[in-house]
């Protein structure tokens, strides 16, 4: 069709010359009062050229436009995708408006196929341009298409990958696989963002202390402790739900690590509350000198417990982050149960 379009341009120039001669002859015949000679072949040629000009003019416009899009850097595709879609829709409408007598031409069928294929591939391109696409997804797309494209560590090469490289993958043949990959990337991103939110939450979640008598800040603040317990329950529920989701596979290690960490925090806080309540009660009992004298063995044992409790509260006060405090060393695990 491109060669035919070039030939049509040459024919149009020749026909323009014939038309000028035709007009000149008619003027001469009119001047001398002679009958005007008709040239039915030229009339037919004019109609054919006008039809062909519509067909090949659109074809050249389509090919040049798509070629131009092919030179767009992949990094800039997102900003241009709406314009591309609008242009492709306009081409489709122009193709549908072509005269019926042209629709049996091979050039028309090729034109229609070119437009339709580009229009069909645009949704796939739009899906591939999602922020959820990671290197692993691009590798899966290339494997499905059995073709390669310029890549960096983080995905399509920023410097050398153009839209044409994506079009050359031939994605329409494996459109369903590509859609599964891009759809999966969106679901994975949702899990990634939820997991990141939980990680950020517990990176800032800290134990808060209040003073107890003259012993200093050794008691967990009830209000803040309640918030910790509430967030623990909510986070563990969300992590459990993520772990059962097949789209969590890329984050399995990080997910399991966070599940184990929060489970440890939950167990330790539960033990801590129990020990703290017991310590408060026993401290009131043995702070009285009379009772200590009456129960010397129990008083001595409480002194050991008191010393250990002060040790873990001092450690928690210095390292208030919940996960660091409970998982950073074995002090809590080893001391609280005893």
Protein backbone atom coordinates (compact mmCIF):
# COMPACT_ATOMS: atom_id res chain seq x y z
CA UNK A 1 0.00 0.00 0.00
CA UNK A 2 2.81 2.47 0.69
CA UNK A 3 4.24 1.82 -2.79
CA UNK A 4 0.76 2.22 -4.24
CA UNK A 5 0.38 5.51 -2.37
CA UNK A 6 3.62 6.76 -3.94
CA UNK A 7 2.42 5.71 -7.40
CA UNK A 8 -0.89 7.46 -6.77
CA UNK A 9 1.00 10.68 -6.11
CA UNK A 10 2.73 10.32 -9.47
CA UNK A 11 -0.58 9.57 -11.21
CA UNK A 12 -2.19 12.62 -9.61
CA UNK A 13 0.54 14.83 -11.07
CA UNK A 14 0.07 13.33 -14.53
CA UNK A 15 -3.70 13.61 -14.26
CA UNK A 16 -3.37 17.28 -13.26
CA UNK A 17 -1.45 17.85 -16.48
CA UNK A 18 -4.19 16.06 -18.48
CA UNK A 19 -6.80 18.17 -16.72
CA UNK A 20 -5.04 21.41 -17.66
CA UNK A 21 -4.97 20.30 -21.33
CA UNK A 22 -8.60 19.23 -21.11
CA UNK A 23 -9.60 22.65 -19.76
CA UNK A 24 -7.55 24.36 -22.46
CA UNK A 25 -9.24 22.32 -25.21
CA UNK A 26 -12.70 23.10 -23.84
CA UNK A 27 -11.90 26.83 -23.72
CA UNK A 28 -10.70 26.70 -27.35
CA UNK A 29 -13.79 24.80 -28.48
CA UNK A 30 -16.04 27.25 -26.68
CA UNK A 31 -14.16 30.20 -28.19
CA UNK A 32 -14.73 28.98 -31.73
CA UNK A 33 -18.27 27.75 -31.07
CA UNK A 34 -17.36 24.14 -31.58
CA UNK A 35 -19.10 21.25 -29.80
CA UNK A 36 -17.47 20.50 -26.47
CA UNK A 37 -15.67 17.17 -26.67
CA UNK A 38 -16.25 14.85 -23.73
CA UNK A 39 -13.60 12.58 -22.29
CA UNK A 40 -15.44 9.87 -20.32
CA UNK A 41 -12.16 8.08 -19.57
CA UNK A 42 -10.83 11.20 -17.84
CA UNK A 43 -14.08 11.59 -15.89
CA UNK A 44 -13.81 8.00 -14.74
CA UNK A 45 -10.15 8.47 -13.87
CA UNK A 46 -11.01 11.57 -11.80
CA UNK A 47 -13.57 9.64 -9.77
CA UNK A 48 -11.16 6.73 -9.24
CA UNK A 49 -8.31 9.02 -8.19
CA UNK A 50 -10.56 10.83 -5.73
CA UNK A 51 -11.58 7.51 -4.17
CA UNK A 52 -8.03 6.20 -4.08
CA UNK A 53 -6.81 9.48 -2.61
CA UNK A 54 -9.22 9.06 0.29
CA UNK A 55 -8.05 5.50 0.89
CA UNK A 56 -4.32 5.95 0.51
CA UNK A 57 -4.32 9.37 2.12
CA UNK A 58 -5.76 7.85 5.28
CA UNK A 59 -3.43 4.86 5.00
CA UNK A 60 -0.33 7.07 4.82
CA UNK A 61 -1.61 9.17 7.73
CA UNK A 62 -2.22 6.06 9.85
CA UNK A 63 1.16 4.49 9.09
CA UNK A 64 3.10 7.70 9.69
CA UNK A 65 1.19 8.39 12.93
CA UNK A 66 1.80 4.90 14.32
CA UNK A 67 5.45 5.08 13.31
CA UNK A 68 5.67 8.38 15.13
CA UNK A 69 4.16 6.81 18.23
CA UNK A 70 6.70 4.00 17.95
CA UNK A 71 9.50 6.52 18.50
CA UNK A 72 7.97 7.74 21.77
CA UNK A 73 10.11 6.76 24.76
CA UNK A 74 8.34 4.21 26.93
CA UNK A 75 8.78 6.50 29.92
CA UNK A 76 6.61 9.11 28.12
CA UNK A 77 3.86 6.73 27.00
CA UNK A 78 1.66 7.31 30.06
CA UNK A 79 1.38 11.01 29.26
CA UNK A 80 0.45 10.27 25.63
CA UNK A 81 -1.81 7.22 25.93
CA UNK A 82 -5.09 9.19 26.02
CA UNK A 83 -4.11 11.16 22.93
CA UNK A 84 -3.13 7.93 21.13
CA UNK A 85 -6.46 6.32 22.00
CA UNK A 86 -8.40 9.36 20.77
CA UNK A 87 -6.44 9.43 17.51
CA UNK A 88 -6.93 5.69 16.92
CA UNK A 89 -10.69 6.09 17.51
CA UNK A 90 -10.71 8.89 14.92
CA UNK A 91 -8.94 6.65 12.41
CA UNK A 92 -11.54 3.94 12.99
CA UNK A 93 -14.37 6.36 12.29
CA UNK A 94 -12.69 7.63 9.11
CA UNK A 95 -12.20 4.05 7.93
CA UNK A 96 -15.87 3.21 8.53
CA UNK A 97 -16.91 6.23 6.45
CA UNK A 98 -14.98 5.05 3.39
CA UNK A 99 -17.12 4.52 0.25
CA UNK A 100 -18.46 0.96 -0.08
CA UNK A 101 -16.73 0.37 -3.41
CA UNK A 102 -13.35 0.68 -1.66
CA UNK A 103 -14.07 -1.92 0.99
CA UNK A 104 -13.24 -4.83 -1.30
CA UNK A 105 -9.76 -3.47 -1.98
CA UNK A 106 -6.80 -5.21 -0.34
CA UNK A 107 -5.45 -1.82 0.67
CA UNK A 108 -8.67 -1.07 2.57
CA UNK A 109 -8.52 -4.38 4.41
CA UNK A 110 -4.89 -3.79 5.32
CA UNK A 111 -5.72 -0.26 6.48
CA UNK A 112 -8.59 -1.52 8.62
CA UNK A 113 -6.42 -4.30 10.06
CA UNK A 114 -3.62 -1.84 10.92
CA UNK A 115 -6.03 0.50 12.70
CA UNK A 116 -7.88 -2.29 14.52
CA UNK A 117 -4.67 -3.95 15.70
CA UNK A 118 -3.30 -0.69 17.07
CA UNK A 119 -6.63 0.07 18.73
CA UNK A 120 -6.70 -3.42 20.27
CA UNK A 121 -3.14 -3.22 21.57
CA UNK A 122 -3.67 0.18 23.22
CA UNK A 123 -5.51 -1.24 26.28
CA UNK A 124 -2.61 -3.68 26.78
CA UNK A 125 -0.14 -0.80 26.54
CA UNK A 126 -2.18 1.14 29.07
CA UNK A 127 -2.14 -1.83 31.45
CA UNK A 128 1.61 -2.26 30.98
CA UNK A 129 2.14 1.41 31.88
CA UNK A 130 0.63 0.90 35.37
CA UNK A 131 2.86 1.75 38.31
CA UNK A 132 2.30 -1.79 39.58
CA UNK A 133 4.48 -3.29 36.84
CA UNK A 134 7.79 -4.59 38.22
CA UNK A 135 10.76 -6.24 36.53
CA UNK A 136 9.34 -9.71 37.28
CA UNK A 137 6.17 -8.81 35.40
CA UNK A 138 8.06 -7.52 32.38
CA UNK A 139 10.10 -10.72 32.33
CA UNK A 140 6.87 -12.72 32.37
CA UNK A 141 5.48 -10.65 29.45
CA UNK A 142 8.63 -11.25 27.41
CA UNK A 143 8.47 -14.97 28.18
CA UNK A 144 4.81 -15.12 27.08
CA UNK A 145 5.59 -13.28 23.83
CA UNK A 146 8.87 -15.20 23.34
CA UNK A 147 10.59 -11.92 22.48
CA UNK A 148 12.90 -9.50 24.27
CA UNK A 149 13.05 -5.74 24.72
CA UNK A 150 15.59 -3.27 26.18
CA UNK A 151 15.52 -3.63 29.97
CA UNK A 152 17.11 -2.04 33.05
CA UNK A 153 17.13 -3.43 36.57
CA UNK A 154 13.82 -1.69 37.31
CA UNK A 155 12.00 -2.49 34.06
CA UNK A 156 12.03 -1.11 30.49
CA UNK A 157 15.21 0.83 29.77
CA UNK A 158 14.62 4.51 30.42
CA UNK A 159 17.21 5.50 27.82
CA UNK A 160 16.61 3.05 24.97
CA UNK A 161 13.17 1.44 25.27
CA UNK A 162 10.56 2.95 22.97
CA UNK A 163 6.92 2.13 22.34
CA UNK A 164 7.91 0.34 19.13
CA UNK A 165 9.83 -2.21 21.21
CA UNK A 166 6.59 -2.93 23.09
CA UNK A 167 4.55 -3.13 19.88
CA UNK A 168 7.11 -5.53 18.38
CA UNK A 169 6.45 -8.01 21.19
CA UNK A 170 3.28 -9.07 19.35
CA UNK A 171 1.13 -9.09 22.47
CA UNK A 172 -2.19 -9.57 20.70
CA UNK A 173 -1.36 -13.24 20.12
CA UNK A 174 -1.07 -13.77 23.87
CA UNK A 175 -3.40 -11.00 25.03
CA UNK A 176 -5.03 -13.09 27.76
CA UNK A 177 -1.66 -14.00 29.29
CA UNK A 178 -0.55 -10.35 29.22
CA UNK A 179 -3.82 -9.29 30.86
CA UNK A 180 -3.33 -11.92 33.57
CA UNK A 181 0.18 -10.61 34.23
CA UNK A 182 -0.87 -6.96 34.38
CA UNK A 183 -3.97 -7.78 36.44
CA UNK A 184 -1.81 -9.80 38.82
CA UNK A 185 0.61 -6.89 39.15
CA UNK A 186 -2.26 -4.65 40.31
CA UNK A 187 -3.33 -7.15 42.95
CA UNK A 188 0.28 -7.61 44.07
CA UNK A 189 0.64 -3.84 44.40
CA UNK A 190 -2.41 -3.72 46.67
CA UNK A 191 -0.80 -6.31 48.95
CA UNK A 192 2.56 -4.55 48.74
CA UNK A 193 1.01 -1.24 49.78
CA UNK A 194 -0.98 -2.81 52.64
CA UNK A 195 2.11 -4.62 53.88
CA UNK A 196 4.13 -1.41 53.63
CA UNK A 197 1.47 0.42 55.67
CA UNK A 198 1.68 -2.22 58.41
CA UNK A 199 5.49 -2.13 58.38
CA UNK A 200 5.46 1.69 58.63
CA UNK A 201 2.94 1.53 61.48
CA UNK A 202 5.07 -0.83 63.57
CA UNK A 203 8.23 1.05 62.76
CA UNK A 204 6.74 3.91 64.79
CA UNK A 205 4.70 1.98 67.36
CA UNK A 206 6.31 2.38 70.80
CA UNK A 207 5.67 1.43 74.40
CA UNK A 208 4.78 4.39 76.64
CA UNK A 209 5.50 4.38 80.39
CA UNK A 210 4.19 6.15 83.44
CA UNK A 211 5.76 6.59 86.87
CA UNK A 212 4.91 4.23 89.68
CA UNK A 213 5.40 5.66 93.19
CA UNK A 214 9.08 6.44 93.50
CA UNK A 215 10.20 3.65 91.17
CA UNK A 216 10.21 5.77 88.05
CA UNK A 217 8.58 5.10 84.63
CA UNK A 218 8.12 1.34 84.94
CA UNK A 219 4.39 0.87 84.21
CA UNK A 220 2.89 0.69 80.71
CA UNK A 221 0.42 3.50 80.07
CA UNK A 222 -3.06 1.92 79.83
CA UNK A 223 -4.39 4.07 76.96
CA UNK A 224 -1.34 3.63 74.74
CA UNK A 225 -1.19 -0.07 75.65
CA UNK A 226 -4.80 -0.44 74.51
CA UNK A 227 -3.91 1.13 71.16
CA UNK A 228 -1.00 -1.28 70.78
CA UNK A 229 -3.24 -4.28 71.47
CA UNK A 230 -5.89 -3.01 69.07
CA UNK A 231 -3.32 -2.46 66.31
CA UNK A 232 -1.78 -5.85 67.02
CA UNK A 233 -5.10 -7.60 66.47
CA UNK A 234 -5.89 -5.61 63.34
CA UNK A 235 -2.41 -6.04 61.81
CA UNK A 236 -2.29 -9.78 62.52
CA UNK A 237 -5.71 -10.22 60.92
CA UNK A 238 -4.61 -8.32 57.80
CA UNK A 239 -1.33 -10.22 57.56
CA UNK A 240 -3.15 -13.53 57.89
CA UNK A 241 -5.48 -12.55 55.07
CA UNK A 242 -2.53 -11.52 52.88
CA UNK A 243 -0.68 -14.75 53.59
CA UNK A 244 -3.59 -16.79 52.19
CA UNK A 245 -3.73 -14.67 49.02
CA UNK A 246 -1.91 -16.20 46.04
CA UNK A 247 -0.76 -12.76 44.93
CA UNK A 248 1.35 -12.38 48.07
CA UNK A 249 4.01 -14.79 46.73
CA UNK A 250 6.58 -12.05 45.85
CA UNK A 251 6.42 -10.78 49.45
CA UNK A 252 6.21 -14.15 51.19
CA UNK A 253 9.47 -13.83 53.11
CA UNK A 254 8.81 -10.29 54.27
CA UNK A 255 5.21 -11.18 55.12
CA UNK A 256 6.16 -14.24 57.16
CA UNK A 257 8.83 -12.25 58.96
CA UNK A 258 6.30 -9.63 60.00
CA UNK A 259 3.78 -12.28 61.08
CA UNK A 260 6.38 -13.93 63.31
CA UNK A 261 7.48 -10.57 64.74
CA UNK A 262 3.96 -9.44 65.64
CA UNK A 263 3.15 -12.86 67.06
CA UNK A 264 6.19 -12.52 69.32
CA UNK A 265 5.14 -9.01 70.35
CA UNK A 266 1.64 -10.27 71.15
CA UNK A 267 2.92 -13.14 73.30
CA UNK A 268 5.39 -10.95 75.16
CA UNK A 269 2.92 -8.13 75.79
CA UNK A 270 0.41 -10.65 77.15
CA UNK A 271 3.03 -12.03 79.53
CA UNK A 272 4.21 -8.53 80.37
CA UNK A 273 0.74 -7.37 81.41
CA UNK A 274 0.32 -10.43 83.62
CA UNK A 275 3.73 -9.95 85.25
CA UNK A 276 3.17 -6.20 85.65
CA UNK A 277 -0.17 -6.71 87.40
CA UNK A 278 1.39 -9.28 89.72
CA UNK A 279 4.40 -7.05 90.38
CA UNK A 280 2.20 -4.06 91.29
CA UNK A 281 0.31 -6.21 93.78
CA UNK A 282 3.44 -7.80 95.26
CA UNK A 283 5.30 -4.49 95.41
CA UNK A 284 2.54 -3.06 97.59
CA UNK A 285 2.77 -6.11 99.85
CA UNK A 286 6.53 -6.31 100.31
CA UNK A 287 7.16 -2.58 100.41
CA UNK A 288 5.91 -2.82 103.99
CA UNK A 289 8.82 -3.67 106.26
CA UNK A 290 6.65 -5.66 108.66
CA UNK A 291 5.44 -8.14 106.04
CA UNK A 292 8.95 -8.51 104.68
CA UNK A 293 10.15 -9.45 108.17
CA UNK A 294 7.33 -11.91 108.64
CA UNK A 295 7.94 -13.58 105.24
CA UNK A 296 11.71 -13.38 104.72
CA UNK A 297 11.90 -16.15 102.09
CA UNK A 298 9.09 -14.69 100.02
CA UNK A 299 10.55 -11.20 100.42
CA UNK A 300 13.91 -12.42 99.17
CA UNK A 301 12.27 -14.07 96.17
CA UNK A 302 10.35 -10.87 95.40
CA UNK A 303 13.60 -8.90 95.47
CA UNK A 304 14.89 -11.16 92.68
CA UNK A 305 11.66 -10.73 90.75
CA UNK A 306 11.74 -6.98 91.35
CA UNK A 307 15.30 -6.78 90.06
CA UNK A 308 14.41 -8.67 86.87
CA UNK A 309 11.30 -6.56 86.33
CA UNK A 310 13.29 -3.36 86.67
CA UNK A 311 15.80 -4.75 84.20
CA UNK A 312 13.24 -5.45 81.49
CA UNK A 313 11.41 -2.14 82.00
CA UNK A 314 14.71 -0.26 81.80
CA UNK A 315 15.53 -2.08 78.57
CA UNK A 316 12.06 -1.32 77.17
CA UNK A 317 12.33 2.33 78.20
CA UNK A 318 15.65 2.63 76.33
CA UNK A 319 14.31 0.70 73.30
CA UNK A 320 10.62 1.65 73.21
CA UNK A 321 9.86 0.43 69.67
CA UNK A 322 7.55 -2.55 70.13
CA UNK A 323 9.22 -4.88 67.64
CA UNK A 324 12.80 -3.92 68.55
CA UNK A 325 12.03 -4.27 72.25
CA UNK A 326 10.34 -7.67 71.97
CA UNK A 327 12.32 -9.21 69.12
CA UNK A 328 15.67 -7.43 69.30
CA UNK A 329 17.03 -9.72 72.02
CA UNK A 330 16.02 -12.75 74.10
CA UNK A 331 15.80 -10.76 77.35
CA UNK A 332 12.00 -10.47 77.29
CA UNK A 333 11.46 -14.09 76.16
CA UNK A 334 13.77 -15.48 78.81
CA UNK A 335 12.85 -13.24 81.72
CA UNK A 336 9.09 -12.69 81.61
CA UNK A 337 7.98 -16.34 81.89
CA UNK A 338 10.08 -16.74 85.05
